[in-house]
N, C-alpha and C. Protein backbone atom coordinates (compact mmCIF):
# COMPACT_ATOMS: atom_id res chain seq x y z
N MET A 1 81.44 9.94 6.03
CA MET A 1 80.44 10.65 5.09
C MET A 1 79.60 9.88 4.18
N ARG A 2 80.69 8.58 3.48
CA ARG A 2 80.04 7.69 2.28
C ARG A 2 79.26 6.50 3.03
N ASP A 3 79.48 6.06 4.35
CA ASP A 3 78.79 5.52 4.76
C ASP A 3 77.17 5.68 4.86
N ARG A 4 77.25 7.38 5.71
CA ARG A 4 76.02 7.46 5.78
C ARG A 4 74.90 7.90 4.84
N ARG A 5 75.49 8.47 3.26
CA ARG A 5 74.82 8.39 2.06
C ARG A 5 74.26 7.09 1.63
N LYS A 6 75.09 6.24 1.78
CA LYS A 6 74.84 5.07 1.43
C LYS A 6 73.50 4.49 2.45
N LYS A 7 74.04 4.43 3.50
CA LYS A 7 72.60 4.08 4.58
C LYS A 7 71.12 4.88 4.09
N LYS A 8 71.42 6.34 3.85
CA LYS A 8 70.23 6.61 3.88
C LYS A 8 69.56 6.23 2.07
N GLN A 9 70.69 6.51 1.15
CA GLN A 9 70.17 5.80 0.01
C GLN A 9 69.41 4.21 -0.07
N ASN A 10 69.97 3.52 0.70
CA ASN A 10 69.33 2.16 1.04
C ASN A 10 67.72 2.53 1.80
N GLN A 11 68.41 2.95 2.67
CA GLN A 11 66.66 3.62 3.28
C GLN A 11 65.64 3.93 1.81
N ALA A 12 66.27 5.09 1.52
CA ALA A 12 65.05 5.46 0.34
C ALA A 12 64.70 4.56 -0.53
N GLU A 13 65.60 3.43 -0.49
CA GLU A 13 64.98 2.46 -1.46
C GLU A 13 64.49 1.46 -0.97
N ARG A 14 64.47 1.24 -0.03
CA ARG A 14 63.41 0.43 1.20
C ARG A 14 62.08 0.64 1.35
N MET A 15 61.65 2.11 1.04
CA MET A 15 60.92 2.97 1.21
C MET A 15 60.15 3.17 -0.51
N ALA A 16 60.66 3.03 -1.34
CA ALA A 16 60.61 3.32 -2.74
C ALA A 16 58.88 2.83 -3.00
N TRP A 17 58.36 1.98 -2.37
CA TRP A 17 57.31 1.61 -3.07
C TRP A 17 56.32 1.75 -1.99
N GLY A 18 56.49 2.73 -1.48
CA GLY A 18 55.49 3.34 -0.30
C GLY A 18 55.40 2.71 0.88
N GLU A 19 55.89 1.22 0.66
CA GLU A 19 55.90 0.50 2.12
C GLU A 19 57.41 0.48 2.53
N ALA A 20 57.43 -0.19 3.76
CA ALA A 20 58.93 -0.27 3.72
C ALA A 20 58.90 -2.15 3.75
N LYS A 21 60.03 -2.39 3.43
CA LYS A 21 60.09 -4.01 2.63
C LYS A 21 60.86 -4.68 4.01
N GLU A 22 60.53 -6.05 3.96
CA GLU A 22 60.72 -6.84 5.04
C GLU A 22 61.59 -7.79 4.86
N ARG A 23 62.23 -8.53 5.60
CA ARG A 23 63.18 -9.37 5.24
C ARG A 23 62.56 -10.67 5.10
N PHE A 24 62.52 -11.26 3.70
CA PHE A 24 61.77 -12.86 3.95
C PHE A 24 63.10 -13.72 3.46
N SER A 25 62.82 -15.34 3.62
CA SER A 25 63.81 -16.13 2.96
C SER A 25 63.18 -16.72 1.95
N ILE A 26 64.13 -17.30 1.12
CA ILE A 26 63.61 -18.03 -0.29
C ILE A 26 64.84 -19.00 -0.24
N MET A 27 64.48 -20.73 -0.75
CA MET A 27 65.31 -21.46 -1.32
C MET A 27 65.15 -21.30 -2.52
N LEU A 28 66.28 -21.53 -3.22
CA LEU A 28 66.33 -21.27 -4.87
C LEU A 28 67.68 -22.59 -5.33
N THR A 29 67.34 -23.05 -6.35
CA THR A 29 68.30 -24.29 -6.57
C THR A 29 69.77 -22.73 -7.40
N PRO A 30 71.01 -23.43 -6.93
CA PRO A 30 71.78 -22.52 -7.54
C PRO A 30 71.38 -21.83 -8.65
N THR A 31 71.38 -22.58 -9.86
CA THR A 31 71.07 -22.00 -11.31
C THR A 31 70.39 -20.80 -11.00
N ALA A 32 69.01 -21.20 -10.68
CA ALA A 32 67.73 -20.39 -10.49
C ALA A 32 68.65 -19.02 -9.70
N ALA A 33 69.22 -18.90 -8.63
CA ALA A 33 69.76 -17.37 -7.95
C ALA A 33 70.75 -17.14 -9.08
N GLN A 34 71.48 -17.90 -10.13
CA GLN A 34 72.36 -17.17 -10.86
C GLN A 34 71.59 -16.38 -11.96
N LYS A 35 70.61 -16.83 -12.55
CA LYS A 35 69.92 -16.45 -13.75
C LYS A 35 69.18 -14.91 -12.57
N ILE A 36 68.79 -15.14 -11.61
CA ILE A 36 68.19 -14.06 -10.96
C ILE A 36 69.35 -13.09 -10.99
N ASP A 37 70.11 -12.91 -10.63
CA ASP A 37 71.52 -11.99 -10.29
C ASP A 37 71.89 -11.64 -12.16
N GLU A 38 71.74 -12.44 -12.80
CA GLU A 38 72.15 -11.46 -13.74
C GLU A 38 71.55 -11.04 -14.86
N ARG A 39 69.85 -11.36 -14.74
CA ARG A 39 68.51 -10.61 -15.13
C ARG A 39 68.53 -9.00 -14.33
N ALA A 40 68.95 -8.86 -13.05
CA ALA A 40 69.00 -7.94 -12.51
C ALA A 40 70.47 -7.16 -12.75
N LYS A 41 71.55 -7.56 -13.15
CA LYS A 41 72.45 -6.87 -13.22
C LYS A 41 72.17 -6.31 -14.42
N ALA A 42 71.63 -7.18 -15.56
CA ALA A 42 71.04 -6.38 -16.93
C ALA A 42 70.50 -5.33 -16.69
N LEU A 43 69.58 -5.53 -16.34
CA LEU A 43 68.79 -3.99 -15.99
C LEU A 43 69.28 -2.72 -14.80
N GLY A 44 70.34 -3.08 -14.54
CA GLY A 44 70.83 -2.14 -13.19
C GLY A 44 70.04 -1.96 -11.95
N LEU A 45 69.62 -3.51 -11.36
CA LEU A 45 68.97 -3.49 -10.47
C LEU A 45 69.37 -3.92 -8.97
N SER A 46 68.91 -4.03 -8.36
CA SER A 46 69.76 -4.84 -6.94
C SER A 46 68.58 -6.46 -7.60
N ARG A 47 68.80 -7.09 -6.83
CA ARG A 47 68.40 -8.37 -6.95
C ARG A 47 66.68 -8.59 -6.40
N SER A 48 66.80 -7.78 -5.18
CA SER A 48 65.37 -7.52 -3.98
C SER A 48 64.56 -6.78 -4.83
N GLU A 49 65.51 -5.54 -5.87
CA GLU A 49 64.27 -4.35 -6.52
C GLU A 49 63.88 -5.34 -7.92
N LEU A 50 64.68 -6.48 -8.54
CA LEU A 50 63.74 -7.17 -9.50
C LEU A 50 63.14 -7.74 -9.73
N LEU A 51 62.70 -8.62 -8.05
CA LEU A 51 61.82 -9.58 -7.58
C LEU A 51 61.26 -8.99 -6.80
N GLU A 52 60.82 -7.45 -6.53
CA GLU A 52 59.74 -6.35 -6.11
C GLU A 52 59.29 -5.89 -7.53
N GLN A 53 60.01 -5.91 -8.85
CA GLN A 53 59.41 -4.97 -9.70
C GLN A 53 58.89 -6.29 -10.21
N ALA A 54 58.89 -7.53 -10.64
CA ALA A 54 58.36 -8.75 -11.18
C ALA A 54 56.95 -9.09 -10.83
N ALA A 55 57.11 -9.08 -9.08
CA ALA A 55 55.54 -9.71 -8.34
C ALA A 55 54.61 -8.42 -8.74
N ARG A 56 55.21 -7.45 -9.08
CA ARG A 56 54.30 -6.16 -9.63
C ARG A 56 53.95 -6.03 -10.68
N GLY A 57 54.62 -6.83 -11.73
CA GLY A 57 53.98 -6.56 -13.05
C GLY A 57 54.41 -5.54 -14.13
N VAL A 58 55.84 -5.11 -13.38
CA VAL A 58 56.37 -3.92 -13.99
C VAL A 58 57.62 -4.46 -15.12
N VAL A 59 58.28 -5.75 -14.61
CA VAL A 59 58.82 -5.77 -15.43
C VAL A 59 58.91 -7.73 -15.14
N SER A 60 59.38 -8.10 -16.59
CA SER A 60 59.51 -9.65 -15.96
C SER A 60 60.83 -10.62 -15.96
N ILE A 61 60.95 -11.28 -15.62
CA ILE A 61 62.11 -11.85 -15.45
C ILE A 61 62.68 -12.56 -16.61
N SER A 62 61.93 -13.10 -17.00
CA SER A 62 62.11 -14.02 -18.64
C SER A 62 62.05 -12.92 -19.43
N ASP A 63 61.98 -11.43 -19.66
CA ASP A 63 62.16 -10.74 -20.37
C ASP A 63 64.05 -10.64 -21.57
N THR A 64 63.81 -11.18 -22.50
CA THR A 64 65.74 -11.33 -23.09
C THR A 64 66.22 -9.81 -23.35
N GLU A 65 65.23 -9.21 -23.80
CA GLU A 65 65.29 -7.72 -24.34
C GLU A 65 64.48 -7.04 -24.24
N MET A 66 65.01 -5.40 -23.80
CA MET A 66 64.78 -4.36 -23.62
C MET A 66 64.97 -3.17 -23.86
N ASN A 67 64.52 -2.47 -24.78
CA ASN A 67 65.11 -0.99 -25.27
C ASN A 67 66.04 -0.34 -24.24
N GLN A 68 66.24 0.74 -24.22
CA GLN A 68 66.76 1.57 -23.42
C GLN A 68 66.30 2.29 -22.70
N GLU A 69 64.76 2.80 -23.44
CA GLU A 69 63.78 3.35 -22.81
C GLU A 69 62.98 2.68 -21.80
N ASP A 70 62.71 1.45 -21.90
CA ASP A 70 61.86 0.64 -21.42
C ASP A 70 62.57 0.36 -20.01
N LYS A 71 64.31 -0.01 -20.02
CA LYS A 71 64.95 0.09 -18.80
C LYS A 71 65.20 1.68 -17.78
N GLU A 72 65.10 2.56 -18.88
CA GLU A 72 64.92 3.82 -18.14
C GLU A 72 63.90 4.26 -17.50
N ASN A 73 62.59 3.12 -17.79
CA ASN A 73 61.52 3.43 -17.18
C ASN A 73 60.53 2.79 -16.10
N LEU A 74 61.50 1.57 -16.15
CA LEU A 74 61.32 0.49 -14.72
C LEU A 74 61.16 0.98 -13.64
N GLY A 75 60.31 0.84 -12.97
CA GLY A 75 59.98 1.10 -11.47
C GLY A 75 59.09 2.23 -11.55
N LYS A 76 59.12 3.26 -12.95
CA LYS A 76 58.26 4.93 -12.70
C LYS A 76 57.02 4.44 -13.13
N PRO A 77 56.01 4.81 -12.11
CA PRO A 77 54.72 4.82 -12.07
C PRO A 77 54.10 5.12 -13.83
N SER A 78 53.19 4.38 -13.95
CA SER A 78 53.16 4.17 -15.67
C SER A 78 51.97 5.92 -15.93
N ALA A 79 51.97 6.16 -16.95
CA ALA A 79 50.54 8.02 -17.20
C ALA A 79 49.52 6.84 -17.53
N ASN A 80 49.40 5.75 -16.75
CA ASN A 80 47.57 5.01 -17.05
C ASN A 80 46.38 6.06 -15.79
């Protein structure tokens, strides 16, 4: 039962932007990979979602401080 819920959650995450995610392979230094993982963890995001949001201009990978409200609003459509 738990596996089924996790699978549905993963499917929902892959469709979160209205399009299916595809697998891509990139090469990074170990330091860069570590920094990406640290930033993702600090924001409560997966590595994939951090890169997705950075590419879309929702979040900056180099942001060092964000308030709790900003963290809660990550990935939500803006009111523009």
